[in-house]
Protein backbone atom coordinates (compact mmCIF):
# COMPACT_ATOMS: atom_id res chain seq x y z
CA MET A 1 32.22 -3.57 20.64
CA SER A 2 31.66 -6.40 18.16
CA ASP A 3 30.01 -8.48 20.89
CA TYR A 4 27.60 -5.62 21.62
CA ILE A 5 26.72 -5.25 17.93
CA PHE A 6 26.25 -9.02 17.64
CA ILE A 7 23.85 -9.21 20.61
CA VAL A 8 21.82 -6.16 19.59
CA SER A 9 21.60 -7.35 15.97
CA LEU A 10 20.50 -10.80 17.09
CA ILE A 11 17.75 -9.28 19.27
CA ILE A 12 16.50 -7.36 16.22
CA LEU A 13 16.89 -10.08 13.59
CA LEU A 14 15.35 -13.03 15.41
CA PRO A 15 11.89 -11.46 15.90
CA ALA A 16 11.90 -9.92 12.41
CA THR A 17 12.76 -13.24 10.77
CA THR A 18 10.15 -15.01 12.91
CA VAL A 19 7.51 -12.48 11.80
CA THR A 20 8.40 -12.99 8.14
CA MET A 21 8.20 -16.76 8.55
CA TYR A 22 4.77 -16.38 10.17
CA ASN A 23 3.67 -14.13 7.31
CA LEU A 24 4.95 -16.65 4.79
CA ILE A 25 2.53 -19.20 6.26
CA THR A 26 -0.45 -17.03 7.22
CA ALA A 27 -0.44 -13.68 5.38
CA PRO A 28 -3.84 -13.05 3.71
CA THR A 29 -3.29 -13.12 -0.04
CA VAL A 30 -5.71 -12.26 -2.85
CA ARG A 31 -5.19 -15.13 -5.27
CA ARG A 32 -6.83 -15.73 -8.63
CA LYS A 33 -10.09 -17.57 -8.17
CA ASN A 34 -12.59 -18.79 -10.73
CA VAL A 35 -15.57 -17.69 -8.66
CA SER A 36 -17.62 -15.70 -11.16
CA ASP A 37 -20.84 -17.16 -9.72
CA GLU A 38 -20.29 -15.46 -6.33
CA TYR A 39 -22.45 -12.36 -5.81
CA ILE A 40 -22.61 -9.79 -3.00
CA GLY A 41 -24.38 -6.86 -4.69
CA LYS A 42 -23.37 -3.80 -6.68
CA ILE A 43 -19.77 -2.64 -6.31
CA SER A 44 -18.81 0.96 -7.04
CA VAL A 45 -15.31 1.12 -8.51
CA LEU A 46 -14.00 4.58 -7.60
CA ILE A 47 -10.90 5.94 -9.35
CA PRO A 48 -9.44 9.34 -8.40
CA ALA A 49 -7.40 10.65 -11.33
CA ARG A 50 -5.10 13.65 -11.53
CA ASN A 51 -2.93 13.80 -14.66
CA GLU A 52 -3.19 10.04 -15.20
CA GLU A 53 -3.19 9.86 -19.01
CA LYS A 54 -0.48 7.19 -18.87
CA ASN A 55 -2.53 4.90 -16.63
CA ILE A 56 -6.25 5.69 -16.83
CA GLY A 57 -6.88 3.86 -20.11
CA ASP A 58 -5.24 0.67 -18.83
CA ILE A 59 -7.12 0.57 -15.53
CA LEU A 60 -10.47 1.28 -17.19
CA GLU A 61 -9.93 -1.44 -19.76
CA LEU A 62 -9.06 -3.91 -17.01
CA VAL A 63 -12.05 -2.94 -14.85
CA CYS A 64 -14.45 -3.16 -17.78
CA LYS A 65 -13.24 -6.73 -18.49
CA GLN A 66 -13.88 -8.00 -14.96
CA GLU A 67 -15.74 -11.29 -14.57
CA TYR A 68 -17.82 -9.69 -11.83
CA THR A 69 -20.13 -7.47 -13.86
CA ASP A 70 -22.44 -5.71 -11.37
CA LEU A 71 -20.21 -2.67 -11.26
CA GLU A 72 -20.50 1.05 -11.63
CA ILE A 73 -17.20 2.65 -12.61
CA LEU A 74 -16.72 6.25 -11.54
CA VAL A 75 -13.65 8.30 -12.43
CA LEU A 76 -13.10 11.70 -10.87
CA ASP A 77 -10.96 14.01 -12.97
CA ASP A 78 -9.16 16.07 -10.33
CA HIS A 79 -8.36 19.17 -12.43
CA SER A 80 -6.01 17.30 -14.77
CA THR A 81 -4.03 19.29 -17.31
CA ASP A 82 -3.39 16.33 -19.61
CA LYS A 83 -5.70 14.05 -21.61
CA THR A 84 -7.14 12.13 -18.66
CA SER A 85 -10.67 13.43 -19.22
CA ASP A 86 -10.61 12.70 -22.97
CA ILE A 87 -9.52 9.11 -22.42
CA VAL A 88 -12.29 8.51 -19.89
CA SER A 89 -14.85 10.04 -22.27
CA ASP A 90 -13.85 7.50 -24.93
CA PHE A 91 -14.60 4.66 -22.50
CA ILE A 92 -18.02 6.08 -21.68
CA ASN A 93 -19.00 5.43 -25.31
CA LYS A 94 -17.81 1.80 -25.02
CA ASP A 95 -19.28 0.88 -21.63
CA LYS A 96 -22.32 2.53 -20.07
CA ARG A 97 -21.12 1.61 -16.57
CA VAL A 98 -18.30 4.19 -16.86
CA LYS A 99 -19.04 7.72 -15.67
CA LEU A 100 -16.84 10.81 -15.50
CA ILE A 101 -17.07 13.27 -12.63
CA GLU A 102 -15.45 16.68 -12.92
CA GLY A 103 -13.80 17.42 -9.60
CA GLU A 104 -14.84 20.48 -7.65
CA LYS A 105 -12.39 23.06 -6.32
CA LEU A 106 -10.30 21.85 -3.38
CA PRO A 107 -11.77 23.33 -0.18
CA ASN A 108 -9.65 24.68 2.67
CA GLY A 109 -8.63 21.99 5.13
CA TRP A 110 -8.74 19.13 2.63
CA LEU A 111 -5.94 17.23 0.89
CA GLY A 112 -6.41 16.52 -2.81
CA LYS A 113 -6.84 12.75 -2.91
CA ASN A 114 -9.06 12.75 0.18
CA TRP A 115 -11.34 15.33 -1.43
CA ALA A 116 -11.47 13.35 -4.68
CA CYS A 117 -12.38 10.13 -2.86
CA TYR A 118 -15.03 11.95 -0.83
CA GLN A 119 -16.68 13.24 -4.01
CA LEU A 120 -16.57 9.77 -5.54
CA SER A 121 -18.21 8.24 -2.48
CA LYS A 122 -21.03 10.78 -2.63
CA ALA A 123 -21.74 9.88 -6.26
CA ALA A 124 -21.56 6.10 -5.71
CA ASN A 125 -24.62 3.84 -5.51
CA GLY A 126 -23.01 0.50 -4.68
CA GLU A 127 -23.34 -1.54 -1.51
CA TYR A 128 -19.55 -1.80 -1.55
CA LEU A 129 -16.96 0.81 -2.46
CA LEU A 130 -13.74 -0.17 -4.21
CA PHE A 131 -11.28 2.73 -4.13
CA ILE A 132 -8.49 2.01 -6.58
CA ASP A 133 -5.55 4.05 -7.88
CA ALA A 134 -5.11 4.51 -11.60
CA ASP A 135 -1.70 2.79 -11.59
CA VAL A 136 -3.09 -0.49 -10.20
CA LYS A 137 -3.09 -3.47 -12.59
CA LEU A 138 -5.80 -6.13 -12.43
CA VAL A 139 -6.49 -9.50 -13.99
CA GLU A 140 -9.98 -10.39 -15.22
CA SER A 141 -10.80 -12.26 -12.02
CA SER A 142 -9.46 -9.66 -9.56
CA ILE A 143 -12.80 -8.32 -8.33
CA SER A 144 -14.27 -11.85 -8.27
CA SER A 145 -11.30 -12.83 -6.11
CA ILE A 146 -12.01 -9.92 -3.76
CA VAL A 147 -15.65 -11.07 -3.54
CA TYR A 148 -14.44 -14.58 -2.69
CA PHE A 149 -12.13 -13.03 -0.10
CA ARG A 150 -15.13 -11.16 1.37
CA LYS A 151 -16.97 -14.45 1.89
CA LYS A 152 -13.90 -16.22 3.25
CA PHE A 153 -13.33 -13.54 5.92
CA LYS A 154 -17.04 -13.26 6.66
CA ASP A 155 -17.21 -10.38 9.09
CA PHE A 156 -14.71 -7.80 7.86
CA ALA A 157 -15.78 -4.25 7.07
CA MET A 158 -12.71 -3.26 5.07
CA LEU A 159 -10.06 -4.95 2.96
CA SER A 160 -6.88 -3.14 1.99
CA VAL A 161 -4.40 -4.69 -0.42
CA PHE A 162 -0.67 -4.16 -0.88
CA PRO A 163 -0.37 -5.06 -4.56
CA THR A 164 2.46 -7.08 -6.02
CA GLN A 165 4.75 -4.32 -7.23
CA ILE A 166 6.04 -4.01 -10.78
CA TYR A 167 9.37 -2.25 -11.14
CA ARG A 168 11.82 -2.03 -14.01
CA SER A 169 14.60 0.53 -13.55
CA LEU A 170 17.48 0.08 -11.12
CA GLY A 171 16.28 3.10 -9.15
CA GLU A 172 12.89 1.47 -8.61
CA LYS A 173 14.51 -1.83 -7.64
CA LEU A 174 16.48 -0.03 -4.96
CA LEU A 175 13.44 1.55 -3.28
CA VAL A 176 10.11 -0.07 -4.18
CA PRO A 177 10.76 -3.48 -2.50
CA LEU A 178 11.30 -1.70 0.82
CA MET A 179 7.59 -0.96 1.27
CA ASN A 180 6.60 -4.62 1.52
CA TRP A 181 9.81 -5.44 3.38
CA ILE A 182 8.92 -3.07 6.23
CA LEU A 183 5.34 -4.31 6.30
CA LEU A 184 6.13 -8.02 6.33
CA SER A 185 9.20 -7.91 8.59
CA PHE A 186 7.62 -6.10 11.51
CA LEU A 187 3.87 -6.79 11.35
CA PRO A 188 2.19 -10.20 11.51
CA LEU A 189 -0.30 -9.37 8.79
CA ARG A 190 -3.00 -11.77 9.96
CA TYR A 191 -3.03 -10.00 13.35
CA VAL A 192 -4.60 -6.96 11.67
CA PHE A 193 -7.75 -9.08 11.32
CA THR A 194 -7.58 -11.39 14.34
CA LYS A 195 -6.35 -9.03 17.09
CA LYS A 196 -8.36 -6.19 18.60
CA ASN A 197 -5.19 -4.34 19.59
CA LYS A 198 -5.19 -1.00 17.73
CA SER A 199 -1.43 -1.17 17.17
CA PHE A 200 -1.95 -3.90 14.55
CA ILE A 201 -2.87 -1.55 11.72
CA ALA A 202 -1.81 -1.46 8.09
CA ALA A 203 -3.63 -0.12 5.06
CA ASN A 204 -2.78 0.93 1.54
CA GLY A 205 -4.81 3.48 -0.42
CA GLN A 206 -3.88 1.85 -3.73
CA LEU A 207 -6.80 -0.52 -3.17
CA ILE A 208 -9.44 -0.29 -0.46
CA PHE A 209 -12.62 -2.38 -0.54
CA ILE A 210 -15.11 -1.31 2.12
CA GLU A 211 -18.76 -1.80 3.04
CA ARG A 212 -20.64 1.38 2.30
CA LYS A 213 -22.48 1.27 5.63
CA SER A 214 -19.18 0.95 7.53
CA TYR A 215 -17.59 3.70 5.45
CA ASN A 216 -20.48 6.05 6.25
CA TYR A 217 -20.46 5.01 9.92
CA ILE A 218 -16.86 6.12 10.47
CA GLY A 219 -17.39 9.37 8.54
CA GLY A 220 -15.65 8.30 5.34
CA HIS A 221 -12.94 10.50 3.86
CA GLU A 222 -14.42 13.55 5.53
CA ALA A 223 -13.20 12.17 8.85
CA VAL A 224 -9.61 12.09 7.53
CA LYS A 225 -9.80 15.06 5.18
CA ASN A 226 -6.44 16.57 6.23
CA LYS A 227 -4.47 13.35 6.81
CA VAL A 228 -1.49 12.58 4.55
CA VAL A 229 -1.81 8.82 5.12
CA GLU A 230 -5.59 8.74 4.93
CA ASP A 231 -5.56 5.00 4.22
CA MET A 232 -4.01 4.22 7.61
CA GLU A 233 -6.37 6.61 9.35
CA ILE A 234 -9.44 5.01 7.76
CA GLY A 235 -8.15 1.59 8.81
CA ARG A 236 -7.59 2.91 12.33
CA LEU A 237 -11.13 4.30 12.48
CA ILE A 238 -12.52 0.94 11.34
CA LYS A 239 -10.78 -0.89 14.19
CA CYS A 240 -11.45 1.82 16.78
CA ASN A 241 -15.16 1.50 16.02
CA GLY A 242 -15.11 -2.23 16.70
CA LYS A 243 -15.19 -3.33 13.06
CA LYS A 244 -12.88 -5.81 11.33
CA LEU A 245 -10.05 -4.86 8.97
CA VAL A 246 -8.19 -7.27 6.70
CA THR A 247 -4.86 -6.31 5.16
CA ALA A 248 -3.63 -8.57 2.36
CA VAL A 249 -0.95 -8.82 -0.29
CA GLY A 250 -1.92 -8.87 -3.95
CA GLY A 251 -0.54 -12.29 -4.89
CA ASP A 252 -1.13 -13.13 -8.55
CA SER A 253 -4.34 -11.08 -8.71
CA ILE A 254 -3.54 -7.42 -7.98
CA TYR A 255 -0.44 -5.58 -9.21
CA CYS A 256 0.79 -1.99 -9.28
CA LYS A 257 3.39 0.05 -11.13
CA MET A 258 3.89 2.84 -8.61
CA TYR A 259 6.80 4.86 -9.90
CA ASP A 260 8.90 5.64 -12.96
CA GLY A 261 12.51 5.78 -11.86
CA PHE A 262 14.47 6.62 -8.74
CA ARG A 263 13.40 10.25 -8.32
CA SER A 264 9.64 9.56 -8.33
CA ALA A 265 10.13 6.59 -5.95
CA TYR A 266 12.30 8.70 -3.63
CA ASN A 267 9.75 11.51 -3.52
CA GLY A 268 6.84 9.10 -3.17
CA PHE A 269 8.29 7.30 -0.16
CA SER A 270 9.41 10.58 1.41
CA LYS A 271 5.78 11.76 1.28
CA ASN A 272 4.34 8.92 3.35
CA PHE A 273 7.16 7.22 5.23
CA PHE A 274 7.36 9.27 8.45
CA SER A 275 3.70 10.24 8.71
CA GLY A 276 2.60 6.63 8.17
CA PHE A 277 4.05 5.56 11.53
CA ASN A 278 2.04 8.08 13.56
CA THR A 279 4.88 8.67 16.01
CA SER A 280 7.36 11.36 17.04
CA ALA A 281 10.37 12.25 14.94
CA PHE A 282 12.68 11.03 17.72
CA ALA A 283 10.96 7.63 17.94
CA PHE A 284 10.94 7.29 14.15
CA ILE A 285 14.66 8.05 13.78
CA LEU A 286 15.41 5.70 16.67
CA MET A 287 13.48 2.98 14.87
CA LEU A 288 15.46 3.60 11.68
CA SER A 289 18.72 3.42 13.64
CA VAL A 290 17.71 0.11 15.21
CA ILE A 291 16.88 -1.31 11.77
CA GLU A 292 20.30 -0.25 10.47
CA ILE A 293 22.03 -1.92 13.41
CA GLY A 294 20.19 -5.16 12.85
CA PHE A 295 20.15 -5.35 9.07
CA LEU A 296 23.32 -3.55 7.97
CA LEU A 297 26.06 -3.70 10.61
CA PRO A 298 26.32 -7.53 10.66
CA ILE A 299 27.43 -7.43 7.02
CA SER A 300 30.43 -5.25 7.82
CA GLY A 301 31.00 -7.16 11.07
CA PHE A 302 31.45 -10.41 9.15
CA LEU A 303 34.59 -8.97 7.58
CA PHE A 304 36.20 -9.05 11.01
CA ASN A 305 34.51 -11.93 12.82
CA VAL A 306 33.06 -15.14 11.38
CA LYS A 307 30.45 -15.35 14.16
CA PHE A 308 28.42 -12.73 12.25
CA LEU A 309 27.72 -15.41 9.62
CA GLY A 310 24.71 -16.57 11.64
CA LEU A 311 23.24 -13.06 11.58
CA ILE A 312 23.79 -12.81 7.84
CA LEU A 313 21.93 -16.09 7.38
CA LEU A 314 19.00 -14.58 9.31
CA ILE A 315 19.07 -11.56 6.98
CA ILE A 316 19.08 -13.89 3.97
CA LEU A 317 16.09 -15.82 5.35
CA ASN A 318 14.24 -12.59 6.09
CA ARG A 319 14.74 -11.16 2.62
CA THR A 320 13.95 -14.48 0.94
CA PHE A 321 10.67 -14.93 2.85
CA VAL A 322 9.52 -11.35 2.15
CA SER A 323 10.49 -11.61 -1.52
CA PHE A 324 8.50 -14.84 -1.89
CA ILE A 325 5.37 -13.39 -0.23
CA SER A 326 5.62 -10.21 -2.32
CA GLY A 327 6.42 -11.83 -5.66
CA GLN A 328 9.85 -10.17 -5.78
CA ASN A 329 13.22 -11.40 -7.06
CA PHE A 330 14.94 -12.59 -3.87
CA LEU A 331 18.41 -12.84 -5.46
CA LEU A 332 18.19 -9.22 -6.60
CA ASN A 333 17.03 -8.11 -3.15
CA LEU A 334 19.94 -9.95 -1.53
CA VAL A 335 22.47 -8.32 -3.84
CA LEU A 336 20.97 -4.86 -3.36
CA HIS A 337 20.27 -5.28 0.37
CA PRO A 338 23.14 -3.12 1.74
CA ILE A 339 22.31 -0.22 -0.59
CA GLN A 340 18.58 -0.57 0.15
CA MET A 341 19.24 -0.34 3.89
CA VAL A 342 21.28 2.84 3.46
CA LEU A 343 18.57 4.34 1.27
CA LEU A 344 15.90 3.37 3.81
CA PHE A 345 17.64 5.55 6.38
CA VAL A 346 18.20 8.41 3.93
CA VAL A 347 14.58 8.43 2.75
CA GLY A 348 13.38 8.25 6.34
CA ILE A 349 15.40 11.29 7.40
CA ASN A 350 14.30 13.17 4.28
CA SER A 351 10.68 12.32 5.10
CA VAL A 352 11.01 13.75 8.61
CA ILE A 353 12.71 16.94 7.37
CA LYS A 354 10.15 17.58 4.64
CA PHE A 355 7.20 16.83 6.90
CA LYS A 356 8.43 19.13 9.67
CA ALA A 357 9.24 21.91 7.17
CA GLY A 358 5.86 21.59 5.45
CA LYS A 359 7.55 20.96 2.10
CA ILE A 360 5.90 17.71 1.09
CA GLU A 361 4.36 17.96 -2.38
CA TRP A 362 2.55 15.47 -4.59
CA LYS A 363 1.23 15.97 -8.11
CA GLY A 364 1.82 19.69 -8.00
CA ARG A 365 0.11 20.30 -4.65
CA LYS A 366 1.62 21.10 -1.28
CA ILE A 367 0.60 18.66 1.44
């Protein structure tokens, strides 16, 4: 039995570690650049906000301080019950580029964020649309760095960024690093741009930068109005229509504080995890089981057979490479690895159950 586990684990770990090594060398990364003289036209910064009083002031302050100044900054207040609207109104008095849009009633057949982004796109005047979540953190050169990125990858229609994640509590440290770990262990990120194969898709709605003409061509958010993982679907439409998509990590330029504590992280990942893979429940659970065999069983196997040491070294390399690319603490990820792998399976099963039962909720709305 131990020989079987060893062989299966090796078959899983070798490709995963190879992918992470390739990503370490080639993964597109948005790095800080002093390129304030670069210009591509007006950019519409579009921020959907629903009960974001904790974040909206910070993101507006950061956007208003950007080195790239040809911006219009539109915030859609999606029926917030807190002080989101008041905070935005204060910024309007400070910077004339900031505008507040009161969200219309959610129509039948639409999901909340998709409807908010659709309304923002209709109000925007820029040649480029920058959809950004309120919990994203920028530096003053972030948009200039994106502009530089646009010129470096000359022919892409859409850029989506997985920000460097900020997490503080133990609960967040157990769950948040898993998002980038899955991405960077099983997808050669550069292939999203260089390969025409539609299976090489990854996108993150926390930050999407897209040509307006390409956005309109694929039907924008109206084309994905009822999709839970609308970011992935927009990326898929971009590639299916023969246009180029770049998926990058945030490096030292784009950050995000996604969750506050274990419960919000658990619910957040449960919302998107299963639906993001666009596959059957059986295939998804099988995938989770394979991951557990490769990344968890060798640790217990080492207690009985020293030959598992080689597999553990592969796990260490994998976690170290991903942590380095993502700006994470690799020692912490190594210590927490066994618990993270168990939680990955638990969250995955919970995601399937909630999705199939129609019980997924986010910000007070059923999805």
